[in-house]
Amino acid sequence: MKRLYIVYITLGMLLAAVSHSCSDDGIVENPSGETFIYTLNVTNGGLAGNVNYAGTVDQENQSVNFYIAAETDVEAIRFGGKLSLGASLTEEVYNFSRQPTQQMEVVNGGNQRIYQVNIALAAATEHPILQAVSLQKEDGDLATGYIHHASQTVYLNAPQSNSVEITAVSGLPKRSTYRFTNLRDGKIWRDDPGEVILDFLGLESAYHLSFEPTPTFGADFFSPLLLDYSASDTGFAMPGDFSAENTRSADFDGNKVLIVSREGGNYPKILSYDDLRNGNAGNAKILDITGVADGTYLISAGRLSHNHIYIANLTTGVADSGTGRLKIYHWADEYATAETVFSFDGTHNGTRITSGRFGDNLSVCLDEQGNGTIFLLTQDGTEMLRLDVTNFTQVDNPRMITPPVTASYYSSVNQVQGSDNEFILTSTQAIAVLIDREGNVLYRMDPESIPIEGTDIRIFNYNNERYMLMTTARAAGKPVQTVYLYDLSAGANTVQALTQFEEGDRIPLFSYELNGAPASAFSANTGWGVVHENLRIFGAAVRAGFIVVEFPKNTEIE
């Protein structure tokens, strides 16, 4: 025992000495000395540099193999991953433009290990994007052209010049080449400026050249017409449909407001913009619900699409029973009778694919011919039901998809206007994620970029600008329900636009507080349309009512 006692005291003294040393000298590193790569990722892949590609690590042959998009900036690839404790790479960026295989050195103290990193590129799929055009005017002044991607036009801002000399052109991917269609004597001429054409591995993009100054696009946000039917004290009286929590879904297409009201009974209704402008919110057209049956609730979530109306019931558990069947009803317009276009017991081709709760939300993404997709998410947000739609009324081929984020309760999957395969997924409790039709992530927004309670996000174009619209819901202890409209015009595509938006100040072009009370069923909705060349937007929320705002077209010239 005496020996053990002495050892104990000695260890205590040693610990004290180490502690004293640390307090004097700061942190003491304890590297393992190992130099292994356990995982390695390309962190800036793809056209926008926001795609992460995982490499295949072969420890036996000391190699890592990648298969990445051709559009990746291979001149400056960045890596991340898991290395041995204390180990690091010797370089921050690597240039693979000249050779697809290079040595990567891992160091740890005085030890080092070499891995062979192989980069294989997929076939090019993205058309190149013009990034910058620099020029010199006739008077010698240097200028930069304004690139308007929506119209594929470069405004050279040289109205007084007969010709200009292009001094620099850049595009994405960085390995793109370019040529001018009407270059004479090394210059671009006003009488026939032609186009600049970018080429990336055979994929081309053409941009028109204009000597004109940059126009002012978008809406005039200084002259809005506000129709306020919210809980605020500044407008018309809030409709009784929103006084409690029995109206959890609304929509707007520019001319009509759909309110899926269960206040005092099942009264889905349409309000016209003209009536709302005249203060006649009570002059609603109640939809004919003859034949509407089944579900925990007969009606729950609704959408407008090209004058057509869709409403889903709510089932707390999909099953082959009256209350269990999920149903979607269709009206050709507000004067039509309800038509059941989808009835679902949770099975497809004899196989049960879900038993979840559906009907808290409904997203309808159709083109003018009535072809497209309907999405519904379960209450807990862990399952997404996708339906194919043809000619407005043929709804079939149910498929279950696991969403990339848990978007519970009042979620939405809205198609990005002008894009065939981009949808923005969010809910009142989830971050916004840009996905494709299969649910694959195209872009994931930072949770701090916009209010997390914002939902029913719409991304759309108006007068050659791109906007993002959303409405926040209000649970207990959360801020008041608010409608937000953001500028998303920067960037040649949706991913670039979201990237640049998050890197900017993120200040809304327009916002308006609905001032409703907190709710336990905290849902919110948006809508928009263009009528007589003016932009109209809509925002609604439980216990908060709604607003419609009309902005005139911006016609001024900068």
Protein backbone atom coordinates (compact mmCIF):
# COMPACT_ATOMS: atom_id res chain seq x y z
CA MET A 1 0.00 0.00 0.00
CA LYS A 2 2.86 2.32 0.74
CA ARG A 3 4.23 1.86 -2.81
CA LEU A 4 0.85 2.57 -4.37
CA TYR A 5 0.54 5.66 -2.22
CA ILE A 6 3.88 6.97 -3.43
CA VAL A 7 2.98 6.37 -7.09
CA TYR A 8 -0.32 8.18 -6.60
CA ILE A 9 1.43 11.20 -5.13
CA THR A 10 3.94 11.22 -7.98
CA LEU A 11 1.22 11.10 -10.62
CA GLY A 12 -0.57 13.94 -8.88
CA MET A 13 2.61 16.01 -8.97
CA LEU A 14 3.07 15.25 -12.65
CA LEU A 15 -0.51 16.27 -13.42
CA ALA A 16 -0.01 19.50 -11.53
CA ALA A 17 3.19 20.14 -13.45
CA VAL A 18 1.43 19.53 -16.80
CA SER A 19 -1.43 21.78 -15.73
CA HIS A 20 1.01 24.51 -14.72
CA SER A 21 2.85 24.14 -18.04
CA CYS A 22 -0.39 24.43 -20.02
CA SER A 23 -1.39 27.54 -18.15
CA ASP A 24 1.96 29.12 -19.00
CA ASP A 25 2.38 27.97 -22.59
CA GLY A 26 -1.24 27.74 -23.84
CA ILE A 27 -2.68 24.82 -25.78
CA VAL A 28 -0.36 21.87 -26.35
CA GLU A 29 -1.02 20.05 -29.61
CA ASN A 30 -1.02 16.28 -29.54
CA PRO A 31 -0.93 15.11 -33.17
CA SER A 32 -1.26 11.41 -33.81
CA GLY A 33 1.56 11.40 -36.34
CA GLU A 34 -0.66 9.45 -38.75
CA THR A 35 -1.22 10.72 -42.28
CA PHE A 36 -4.31 8.93 -43.52
CA ILE A 37 -7.17 10.31 -45.60
CA TYR A 38 -10.36 8.68 -44.32
CA THR A 39 -12.82 10.69 -46.43
CA LEU A 40 -12.21 13.34 -49.08
CA ASN A 41 -14.74 15.58 -50.80
CA VAL A 42 -14.64 18.16 -53.56
CA THR A 43 -16.44 21.01 -51.80
CA ASN A 44 -16.87 23.50 -54.67
CA GLY A 45 -18.16 21.31 -57.48
CA GLY A 46 -20.66 22.16 -60.20
CA LEU A 47 -21.34 25.30 -62.16
CA ALA A 48 -22.12 27.47 -59.13
CA GLY A 49 -19.40 25.88 -56.97
CA ASN A 50 -21.90 24.71 -54.36
CA VAL A 51 -22.02 20.95 -54.98
CA ASN A 52 -20.18 18.49 -52.73
CA TYR A 53 -18.73 15.34 -54.35
CA ALA A 54 -17.47 12.45 -52.23
CA GLY A 55 -14.35 10.66 -53.42
CA THR A 56 -13.67 6.93 -53.21
CA VAL A 57 -10.66 6.36 -50.95
CA ASP A 58 -8.44 3.34 -51.70
CA GLN A 59 -6.04 2.94 -48.77
CA GLU A 60 -4.23 -0.03 -50.27
CA ASN A 61 -3.23 1.91 -53.38
CA GLN A 62 -3.08 5.29 -51.62
CA SER A 63 -5.50 6.88 -54.08
CA VAL A 64 -8.77 8.83 -54.15
CA ASN A 65 -11.05 8.78 -57.20
CA PHE A 66 -13.67 11.40 -58.08
CA TYR A 67 -16.39 11.63 -60.72
CA ILE A 68 -17.64 15.21 -60.85
CA ALA A 69 -19.51 17.64 -63.09
CA ALA A 70 -17.63 18.96 -66.10
CA GLU A 71 -18.73 22.46 -65.13
CA THR A 72 -16.61 22.38 -61.96
CA ASP A 73 -13.82 24.96 -61.78
CA VAL A 74 -11.01 22.41 -62.12
CA GLU A 75 -8.41 25.20 -62.00
CA ALA A 76 -9.17 25.78 -58.31
CA ILE A 77 -10.63 22.68 -56.68
CA ARG A 78 -11.06 22.78 -52.91
CA PHE A 79 -11.16 19.67 -50.75
CA GLY A 80 -12.57 18.80 -47.37
CA GLY A 81 -12.98 15.60 -45.43
CA LYS A 82 -11.64 13.60 -42.50
CA LEU A 83 -7.91 13.16 -41.98
CA SER A 84 -5.83 11.66 -39.18
CA LEU A 85 -5.73 13.68 -35.96
CA GLY A 86 -3.38 16.62 -36.49
CA ALA A 87 -2.94 15.93 -40.23
CA SER A 88 -3.50 18.49 -42.98
CA LEU A 89 -3.16 18.97 -46.73
CA THR A 90 -0.26 21.04 -47.99
CA GLU A 91 -2.39 23.10 -50.40
CA GLU A 92 -5.68 25.02 -50.10
CA VAL A 93 -6.62 24.70 -53.79
CA TYR A 94 -5.51 22.32 -56.54
CA ASN A 95 -5.35 22.85 -60.29
CA PHE A 96 -6.51 19.81 -62.28
CA SER A 97 -6.97 21.65 -65.59
CA ARG A 98 -3.78 20.28 -67.17
CA GLN A 99 -3.82 16.73 -65.87
CA PRO A 100 -6.60 14.69 -64.25
CA THR A 101 -4.29 12.87 -61.83
CA GLN A 102 -2.12 14.64 -59.28
CA GLN A 103 -0.29 13.90 -56.08
CA MET A 104 -1.74 15.15 -52.82
CA GLU A 105 0.55 15.37 -49.81
CA VAL A 106 -0.78 14.79 -46.29
CA VAL A 107 1.51 16.00 -43.49
CA ASN A 108 1.44 15.48 -39.74
CA GLY A 109 4.37 16.82 -37.79
CA GLY A 110 7.45 15.44 -39.52
CA ASN A 111 5.50 12.66 -41.28
CA GLN A 112 4.07 12.80 -44.77
CA ARG A 113 2.12 10.53 -47.12
CA ILE A 114 1.34 10.88 -50.82
CA TYR A 115 -2.07 10.04 -52.30
CA GLN A 116 -2.86 9.93 -56.01
CA VAL A 117 -6.04 11.95 -56.64
CA ASN A 118 -7.89 11.20 -59.88
CA ILE A 119 -10.55 13.59 -61.21
CA ALA A 120 -12.89 12.21 -63.90
CA LEU A 121 -15.37 14.64 -65.47
CA ALA A 122 -18.91 13.79 -66.51
CA ALA A 123 -20.27 15.01 -69.84
CA ALA A 124 -21.19 18.69 -69.95
CA THR A 125 -24.86 19.38 -69.22
CA GLU A 126 -24.99 23.11 -68.40
CA HIS A 127 -25.00 25.83 -71.04
CA PRO A 128 -22.36 28.49 -70.32
CA ILE A 129 -23.28 31.74 -68.58
CA LEU A 130 -21.88 35.15 -69.45
CA GLN A 131 -20.36 36.75 -66.35
CA ALA A 132 -18.76 40.04 -67.43
CA VAL A 133 -18.14 42.20 -70.51
CA SER A 134 -15.68 45.10 -70.37
CA LEU A 135 -15.38 47.66 -73.16
CA GLN A 136 -13.85 50.92 -74.30
CA LYS A 137 -16.07 53.56 -75.90
CA GLU A 138 -15.15 55.82 -78.83
CA ASP A 139 -14.18 58.64 -76.47
CA GLY A 140 -11.76 56.33 -74.67
CA ASP A 141 -13.88 55.86 -71.55
CA LEU A 142 -13.85 52.39 -70.05
CA ALA A 143 -17.19 50.79 -69.16
CA THR A 144 -18.77 47.53 -68.12
CA GLY A 145 -21.78 46.09 -69.90
CA TYR A 146 -24.90 45.14 -67.99
CA ILE A 147 -25.80 41.50 -68.58
CA HIS A 148 -29.51 40.78 -68.40
CA HIS A 149 -29.85 37.02 -68.30
CA ALA A 150 -33.63 36.86 -68.55
CA SER A 151 -33.55 38.44 -72.03
CA GLN A 152 -30.03 37.19 -72.90
CA THR A 153 -28.97 40.78 -73.65
CA VAL A 154 -25.83 42.77 -72.88
CA TYR A 155 -26.51 46.50 -72.53
CA LEU A 156 -23.23 48.22 -73.42
CA ASN A 157 -24.39 51.60 -72.07
CA ALA A 158 -22.81 53.42 -75.01
CA PRO A 159 -25.67 55.40 -76.62
CA GLN A 160 -23.31 58.11 -77.95
CA SER A 161 -20.81 55.72 -79.55
CA ASN A 162 -20.90 54.33 -83.07
CA SER A 163 -18.54 51.54 -82.11
CA VAL A 164 -16.92 50.01 -79.05
CA GLU A 165 -13.93 47.79 -78.46
CA ILE A 166 -14.50 44.79 -76.22
CA THR A 167 -11.55 44.51 -73.86
CA ALA A 168 -12.52 41.45 -71.79
CA VAL A 169 -15.17 38.72 -71.62
CA SER A 170 -15.61 36.11 -68.91
CA GLY A 171 -18.10 33.34 -68.37
CA LEU A 172 -18.99 30.23 -66.42
CA PRO A 173 -17.69 27.59 -66.56
CA LYS A 174 -14.32 29.33 -66.59
CA ARG A 175 -13.10 27.12 -69.44
CA SER A 176 -15.77 28.50 -71.79
CA THR A 177 -14.65 30.14 -75.03
CA TYR A 178 -16.39 33.01 -76.78
CA ARG A 179 -16.75 34.63 -80.18
CA PHE A 180 -18.58 37.63 -81.69
CA THR A 181 -20.84 37.20 -84.69
CA ASN A 182 -20.38 40.70 -86.15
CA LEU A 183 -16.87 41.83 -85.26
CA ARG A 184 -15.46 44.31 -87.82
CA ASP A 185 -12.01 45.81 -87.56
CA GLY A 186 -11.80 44.44 -84.05
CA LYS A 187 -14.85 46.41 -82.92
CA ILE A 188 -18.60 46.09 -82.31
CA TRP A 189 -20.68 48.54 -84.38
CA ARG A 190 -23.98 50.19 -83.52
CA ASP A 191 -25.60 49.51 -86.93
CA ASP A 192 -25.33 45.74 -86.46
CA PRO A 193 -23.87 44.73 -83.07
CA GLY A 194 -24.73 41.05 -83.38
CA GLU A 195 -24.18 38.59 -80.53
CA VAL A 196 -21.50 37.21 -78.28
CA ILE A 197 -21.63 33.41 -78.21
CA LEU A 198 -20.16 31.32 -75.40
CA ASP A 199 -19.18 27.71 -75.96
CA PHE A 200 -18.51 25.09 -73.32
CA LEU A 201 -17.63 21.69 -74.72
CA GLY A 202 -20.14 22.08 -77.54
CA LEU A 203 -22.94 23.66 -75.50
CA GLU A 204 -23.57 27.25 -76.58
CA SER A 205 -25.32 30.36 -75.20
CA ALA A 206 -25.97 33.48 -77.28
CA TYR A 207 -26.30 37.00 -75.85
CA HIS A 208 -27.56 39.95 -77.91
CA LEU A 209 -25.48 43.14 -77.83
CA SER A 210 -27.17 46.51 -77.43
CA PHE A 211 -25.65 50.01 -77.35
CA GLU A 212 -28.62 51.24 -75.30
CA PRO A 213 -28.43 52.17 -71.60
CA THR A 214 -29.65 49.66 -69.08
CA PRO A 215 -33.47 49.75 -68.73
CA THR A 216 -35.15 49.65 -65.35
CA PHE A 217 -36.95 46.34 -64.99
CA GLY A 218 -39.43 44.87 -62.54
CA ALA A 219 -42.14 46.59 -60.53
CA ASP A 220 -42.51 50.11 -59.18
CA PHE A 221 -42.41 49.46 -55.43
CA PHE A 222 -43.01 53.11 -54.59
CA SER A 223 -46.62 53.12 -55.82
CA PRO A 224 -48.41 50.03 -54.47
CA LEU A 225 -52.17 49.60 -54.14
CA LEU A 226 -52.78 47.76 -50.84
CA LEU A 227 -55.99 45.85 -50.17
CA ASP A 228 -55.72 45.03 -46.48
CA TYR A 229 -58.08 42.36 -45.13
CA SER A 230 -55.76 41.43 -42.30
CA ALA A 231 -55.92 41.74 -38.51
CA SER A 232 -54.22 45.14 -38.69
CA ASP A 233 -56.27 48.26 -37.98
CA THR A 234 -55.43 50.07 -41.21
CA GLY A 235 -57.62 48.36 -43.82
CA PHE A 236 -60.90 46.55 -44.33
CA ALA A 237 -62.37 44.20 -41.75
CA MET A 238 -60.75 40.78 -41.59
CA PRO A 239 -63.14 38.11 -42.95
CA GLY A 240 -64.60 35.86 -40.28
CA ASP A 241 -63.08 32.83 -42.01
CA PHE A 242 -59.76 33.77 -40.39
CA SER A 243 -61.05 34.65 -36.92
CA ALA A 244 -60.29 31.20 -35.49
CA GLU A 245 -58.13 28.40 -36.89
CA ASN A 246 -60.63 26.76 -39.22
CA THR A 247 -59.23 28.27 -42.41
CA ARG A 248 -55.74 26.88 -42.95
CA SER A 249 -55.37 27.27 -46.69
CA ALA A 250 -55.80 30.08 -49.22
CA ASP A 251 -54.46 30.93 -52.67
CA PHE A 252 -54.46 33.71 -55.26
CA ASP A 253 -53.85 33.78 -59.03
CA GLY A 254 -54.03 37.50 -59.74
CA ASN A 255 -57.80 37.63 -60.26
CA LYS A 256 -59.25 35.31 -57.63
CA VAL A 257 -58.70 34.48 -53.99
CA LEU A 258 -59.50 30.91 -52.89
CA ILE A 259 -60.37 30.49 -49.21
CA VAL A 260 -60.78 26.91 -48.00
CA SER A 261 -62.97 27.81 -45.05
CA ARG A 262 -64.32 25.44 -42.42
CA GLU A 263 -65.52 28.30 -40.23
CA GLY A 264 -69.11 27.44 -39.26
CA GLY A 265 -69.21 24.58 -41.76
CA ASN A 266 -67.59 23.63 -45.07
CA TYR A 267 -67.62 26.79 -47.18
CA PRO A 268 -64.82 26.87 -49.76
CA LYS A 269 -65.20 30.14 -51.60
CA ILE A 270 -63.84 32.40 -54.31
CA LEU A 271 -63.44 36.16 -53.95
CA SER A 272 -62.82 38.31 -57.01
CA TYR A 273 -60.13 40.97 -57.08
CA ASP A 274 -62.67 43.56 -58.23
CA ASP A 275 -64.92 42.86 -55.24
CA LEU A 276 -61.95 43.06 -52.90
CA ARG A 277 -60.89 46.38 -54.39
CA ASN A 278 -64.40 47.70 -53.73
CA GLY A 279 -64.39 46.42 -50.15
CA ASN A 280 -66.87 43.63 -50.85
CA ALA A 281 -65.20 40.63 -49.22
CA GLY A 282 -68.64 39.31 -48.32
CA ASN A 283 -69.57 38.95 -51.97
CA ALA A 284 -68.03 35.48 -52.24
CA LYS A 285 -68.97 32.59 -54.55
CA ILE A 286 -69.37 29.48 -52.41
CA LEU A 287 -68.21 26.40 -54.27
CA ASP A 288 -70.68 23.59 -54.94
CA ILE A 289 -69.48 20.66 -52.80
CA THR A 290 -72.06 18.15 -53.95
CA GLY A 291 -70.36 14.75 -53.77
CA VAL A 292 -67.61 15.92 -51.44
CA ALA A 293 -67.37 13.23 -48.75
CA ASP A 294 -64.95 11.24 -46.59
CA GLY A 295 -61.90 12.18 -44.59
CA THR A 296 -61.36 13.42 -41.06
CA TYR A 297 -62.19 16.81 -42.58
CA LEU A 298 -64.10 17.07 -45.87
CA ILE A 299 -61.94 19.98 -47.04
CA SER A 300 -58.53 21.12 -45.88
CA ALA A 301 -55.95 22.50 -48.35
CA GLY A 302 -56.56 24.12 -51.73
CA ARG A 303 -54.88 25.60 -54.77
CA LEU A 304 -55.69 27.59 -57.92
CA SER A 305 -54.15 26.68 -61.28
CA HIS A 306 -55.02 28.38 -64.58
CA ASN A 307 -58.57 29.15 -63.42
CA HIS A 308 -59.03 25.58 -62.12
CA ILE A 309 -59.58 24.85 -58.43
CA TYR A 310 -58.19 21.93 -56.40
CA ILE A 311 -59.05 21.06 -52.80
CA ALA A 312 -57.90 18.05 -50.75
CA ASN A 313 -59.63 16.56 -47.76
CA LEU A 314 -57.69 15.62 -44.64
CA THR A 315 -57.12 12.10 -43.39
CA THR A 316 -55.31 11.39 -40.13
CA GLY A 317 -54.21 8.03 -41.51
CA VAL A 318 -54.55 6.89 -45.13
CA ALA A 319 -56.63 3.72 -45.27
CA ASP A 320 -59.41 2.04 -47.24
CA SER A 321 -62.21 3.60 -45.24
CA GLY A 322 -64.46 6.64 -45.31
CA THR A 323 -62.36 8.72 -42.97
CA GLY A 324 -59.12 7.20 -44.21
CA ARG A 325 -59.33 7.90 -47.92
CA LEU A 326 -57.32 10.84 -49.20
CA LYS A 327 -59.28 12.68 -51.87
CA ILE A 328 -58.56 15.57 -54.21
CA TYR A 329 -61.46 17.44 -55.78
CA HIS A 330 -61.43 19.57 -58.91
CA TRP A 331 -63.61 22.44 -60.10
CA ALA A 332 -63.18 23.71 -63.68
CA ASP A 333 -64.11 27.14 -62.27
CA GLU A 334 -66.07 28.55 -59.34
CA TYR A 335 -69.39 27.73 -61.04
CA ALA A 336 -68.67 24.05 -61.59
CA THR A 337 -69.59 21.06 -59.43
CA ALA A 338 -66.90 19.19 -57.53
CA GLU A 339 -65.27 16.30 -59.36
CA THR A 340 -63.21 13.65 -57.54
CA VAL A 341 -59.94 13.35 -59.48
CA PHE A 342 -57.96 11.31 -56.92
CA SER A 343 -59.01 8.82 -54.28
CA PHE A 344 -56.23 7.05 -52.40
CA ASP A 345 -56.17 4.34 -49.74
CA GLY A 346 -52.40 4.25 -49.35
CA THR A 347 -51.75 1.41 -51.81
CA HIS A 348 -50.43 1.40 -55.36
CA ASN A 349 -50.39 -1.63 -57.66
CA GLY A 350 -51.45 -3.78 -54.72
CA THR A 351 -48.63 -2.61 -52.45
CA ARG A 352 -49.15 -0.36 -49.46
CA ILE A 353 -46.82 2.61 -49.84
CA THR A 354 -47.98 4.83 -46.97
CA SER A 355 -50.37 5.12 -44.05
CA GLY A 356 -49.51 8.69 -43.10
CA ARG A 357 -51.63 11.75 -42.42
CA PHE A 358 -52.25 13.87 -45.52
CA GLY A 359 -54.22 17.00 -46.38
CA ASP A 360 -52.57 19.62 -44.19
CA ASN A 361 -50.98 20.87 -47.41
CA LEU A 362 -51.45 20.63 -51.17
CA SER A 363 -49.16 21.89 -53.94
CA VAL A 364 -50.34 21.96 -57.57
CA CYS A 365 -47.70 22.62 -60.25
CA LEU A 366 -49.30 22.57 -63.72
CA ASP A 367 -48.63 24.15 -67.10
CA GLU A 368 -51.30 25.87 -69.22
CA GLN A 369 -52.36 22.51 -70.67
CA GLY A 370 -52.96 21.11 -67.20
CA ASN A 371 -49.96 18.80 -67.20
CA GLY A 372 -47.57 18.55 -64.27
CA THR A 373 -47.33 17.43 -60.67
CA ILE A 374 -49.20 17.50 -57.39
CA PHE A 375 -47.30 17.16 -54.11
CA LEU A 376 -48.59 16.44 -50.60
CA LEU A 377 -46.45 15.99 -47.49
CA THR A 378 -47.40 14.11 -44.37
CA GLN A 379 -48.18 16.01 -41.19
CA ASP A 380 -44.77 15.11 -39.71
CA GLY A 381 -43.02 16.12 -42.94
CA THR A 382 -41.11 12.86 -43.37
CA GLU A 383 -42.93 11.58 -46.47
CA MET A 384 -43.82 13.30 -49.74
CA LEU A 385 -46.53 11.95 -52.04
CA ARG A 386 -46.03 12.85 -55.71
CA LEU A 387 -48.82 12.56 -58.27
CA ASP A 388 -48.74 12.92 -62.06
CA VAL A 389 -51.38 15.18 -63.62
CA THR A 390 -52.55 15.23 -67.25
CA ASN A 391 -55.10 17.59 -68.76
CA PHE A 392 -56.08 18.98 -65.34
CA THR A 393 -58.20 15.99 -64.30
CA GLN A 394 -56.14 12.83 -64.87
CA VAL A 395 -54.35 12.36 -61.54
CA ASP A 396 -52.53 9.07 -60.97
CA ASN A 397 -49.22 7.25 -60.47
CA PRO A 398 -48.74 7.94 -56.74
CA ARG A 399 -45.13 7.71 -55.62
CA MET A 400 -43.61 8.19 -52.18
CA ILE A 401 -40.44 10.28 -51.91
CA THR A 402 -38.39 11.02 -48.80
CA PRO A 403 -37.95 14.81 -48.64
CA PRO A 404 -34.44 16.13 -47.93
CA VAL A 405 -35.69 18.07 -44.90
CA THR A 406 -38.47 17.41 -42.42
CA ALA A 407 -41.12 19.88 -43.57
CA SER A 408 -43.99 19.28 -41.19
CA TYR A 409 -47.60 20.46 -41.25
CA TYR A 410 -48.02 23.48 -43.50
CA SER A 411 -45.46 22.83 -46.20
CA SER A 412 -45.33 23.59 -49.90
CA VAL A 413 -43.51 22.37 -53.01
CA ASN A 414 -43.90 25.14 -55.57
CA GLN A 415 -42.41 24.95 -59.04
CA VAL A 416 -39.99 27.73 -59.95
CA GLN A 417 -41.58 29.66 -62.78
CA GLY A 418 -39.87 29.07 -66.09
CA SER A 419 -38.04 25.95 -64.90
CA ASP A 420 -39.02 22.43 -65.87
CA ASN A 421 -37.45 20.68 -62.91
CA GLU A 422 -36.91 23.06 -60.01
CA PHE A 423 -39.21 23.19 -56.97
CA ILE A 424 -38.86 25.12 -53.73
CA LEU A 425 -39.72 23.04 -50.66
CA THR A 426 -40.36 24.58 -47.25
CA SER A 427 -42.78 24.70 -44.35
CA THR A 428 -43.55 26.87 -41.35
CA GLN A 429 -40.90 24.89 -39.45
CA ALA A 430 -38.29 24.02 -42.09
CA ILE A 431 -35.56 25.73 -44.06
CA ALA A 432 -36.09 26.35 -47.76
CA VAL A 433 -34.60 23.77 -50.12
CA LEU A 434 -34.50 23.83 -53.91
CA ILE A 435 -35.18 20.31 -55.19
CA ASP A 436 -35.88 18.50 -58.43
CA ARG A 437 -38.97 16.38 -59.09
CA GLU A 438 -37.30 13.36 -57.48
CA GLY A 439 -36.59 15.24 -54.26
CA ASN A 440 -32.86 15.62 -54.91
CA VAL A 441 -31.30 18.74 -53.38
CA LEU A 442 -30.24 21.42 -55.85
CA TYR A 443 -29.66 24.13 -53.24
CA ARG A 444 -30.16 24.34 -49.48
CA MET A 445 -30.70 27.78 -47.96
CA ASP A 446 -29.07 28.82 -44.71
CA PRO A 447 -31.62 28.85 -41.86
CA GLU A 448 -30.54 32.40 -40.97
CA SER A 449 -31.13 33.88 -44.43
CA ILE A 450 -34.89 34.26 -44.17
CA PRO A 451 -37.34 33.78 -41.28
CA ILE A 452 -37.67 30.05 -40.56
CA GLU A 453 -41.47 30.45 -40.17
CA GLY A 454 -41.76 31.55 -43.82
CA THR A 455 -43.59 29.13 -46.08
CA ASP A 456 -45.35 28.72 -49.42
CA ILE A 457 -42.35 30.30 -51.14
CA ARG A 458 -42.93 31.32 -54.76
CA ILE A 459 -40.06 32.13 -57.13
CA PHE A 460 -41.31 33.89 -60.25
CA ASN A 461 -40.41 36.38 -62.98
CA TYR A 462 -41.99 39.73 -63.70
CA ASN A 463 -40.87 42.35 -66.21
CA ASN A 464 -37.49 40.63 -66.62
CA GLU A 465 -36.75 40.42 -62.90
CA ARG A 466 -36.93 37.46 -60.53
CA TYR A 467 -38.68 37.61 -57.15
CA MET A 468 -39.17 35.40 -54.10
CA LEU A 469 -42.42 35.69 -52.15
CA MET A 470 -43.26 34.13 -48.77
CA THR A 471 -45.52 34.55 -45.74
CA THR A 472 -44.54 33.71 -42.18
CA ALA A 473 -46.84 31.88 -39.76
CA ARG A 474 -47.09 32.67 -36.07
CA ALA A 475 -46.85 30.10 -33.32
CA ALA A 476 -46.80 31.06 -29.65
CA GLY A 477 -43.80 33.24 -28.84
CA LYS A 478 -43.03 33.96 -32.52
CA PRO A 479 -43.11 37.27 -34.46
CA VAL A 480 -46.31 38.45 -36.13
CA GLN A 481 -47.33 37.01 -39.47
CA THR A 482 -45.57 38.93 -42.23
CA VAL A 483 -45.57 38.92 -46.03
CA TYR A 484 -42.13 39.30 -47.63
CA LEU A 485 -41.12 39.96 -51.24
CA TYR A 486 -37.39 39.68 -52.05
CA ASP A 487 -35.32 40.55 -55.10
CA LEU A 488 -33.83 37.40 -56.61
CA SER A 489 -32.76 38.93 -59.93
CA ALA A 490 -29.01 38.49 -59.55
CA GLY A 491 -27.66 35.31 -61.07
CA ALA A 492 -28.21 33.59 -64.37
CA ASN A 493 -30.20 30.70 -62.87
CA THR A 494 -32.06 29.84 -59.68
CA VAL A 495 -29.09 28.36 -57.86
CA GLN A 496 -26.92 31.36 -58.64
CA ALA A 497 -29.76 33.68 -57.66
CA LEU A 498 -30.20 32.03 -54.26
CA THR A 499 -26.44 31.99 -53.72
CA GLN A 500 -26.06 35.70 -54.45
CA PHE A 501 -29.17 36.53 -52.44
CA GLU A 502 -27.71 34.84 -49.37
CA GLU A 503 -24.39 36.61 -49.88
CA GLY A 504 -26.18 39.99 -50.07
CA ASP A 505 -28.07 42.10 -47.55
CA ARG A 506 -31.32 40.05 -47.89
CA ILE A 507 -33.43 43.18 -47.32
CA PRO A 508 -36.96 42.70 -48.68
CA LEU A 509 -38.32 44.92 -51.43
CA PHE A 510 -41.66 44.85 -49.65
CA SER A 511 -42.90 43.54 -46.31
CA TYR A 512 -46.18 43.89 -44.45
CA GLU A 513 -47.23 42.70 -40.99
CA LEU A 514 -50.63 41.00 -40.80
CA ASN A 515 -50.71 41.42 -36.99
CA GLY A 516 -52.67 38.27 -36.21
CA ALA A 517 -52.74 36.41 -32.90
CA PRO A 518 -50.56 33.33 -32.33
CA ALA A 519 -52.07 30.02 -33.46
CA SER A 520 -51.62 26.35 -32.70
CA ALA A 521 -52.44 25.48 -36.33
CA PHE A 522 -50.03 28.06 -37.68
CA SER A 523 -50.36 27.94 -41.46
CA ALA A 524 -49.61 30.63 -44.04
CA ASN A 525 -49.98 31.06 -47.80
CA THR A 526 -48.94 33.18 -50.75
CA GLY A 527 -50.02 33.78 -54.33
CA TRP A 528 -49.28 36.06 -57.25
CA GLY A 529 -50.36 37.02 -60.76
CA VAL A 530 -49.84 39.58 -63.51
CA VAL A 531 -52.93 41.46 -64.70
CA HIS A 532 -52.95 44.41 -67.12
CA GLU A 533 -49.12 44.38 -66.90
CA ASN A 534 -49.24 45.00 -63.14
CA LEU A 535 -47.87 42.61 -60.52
CA ARG A 536 -50.26 41.43 -57.82
CA ILE A 537 -49.14 39.50 -54.74
CA PHE A 538 -51.04 37.86 -51.90
CA GLY A 539 -50.27 36.75 -48.36
CA ALA A 540 -52.55 35.06 -45.82
CA ALA A 541 -52.20 33.37 -42.43
CA VAL A 542 -54.33 31.71 -39.78
CA ARG A 543 -55.90 34.24 -37.38
CA ALA A 544 -54.34 37.04 -39.43
CA GLY A 545 -56.44 37.39 -42.60
CA PHE A 546 -54.83 38.39 -45.89
CA ILE A 547 -53.60 41.20 -48.10
CA VAL A 548 -53.49 41.74 -51.86
CA VAL A 549 -50.97 44.26 -53.15
CA GLU A 550 -50.75 45.57 -56.72
CA PHE A 551 -47.53 47.10 -58.06
CA PRO A 552 -47.40 48.93 -61.42
CA LYS A 553 -44.82 48.04 -64.01
CA ASN A 554 -41.58 49.97 -63.78
CA THR A 555 -41.17 51.85 -67.06
CA GLU A 556 -38.45 54.36 -66.18
CA ILE A 557 -35.01 54.32 -67.82
CA GLU A 558 -31.88 54.56 -65.67
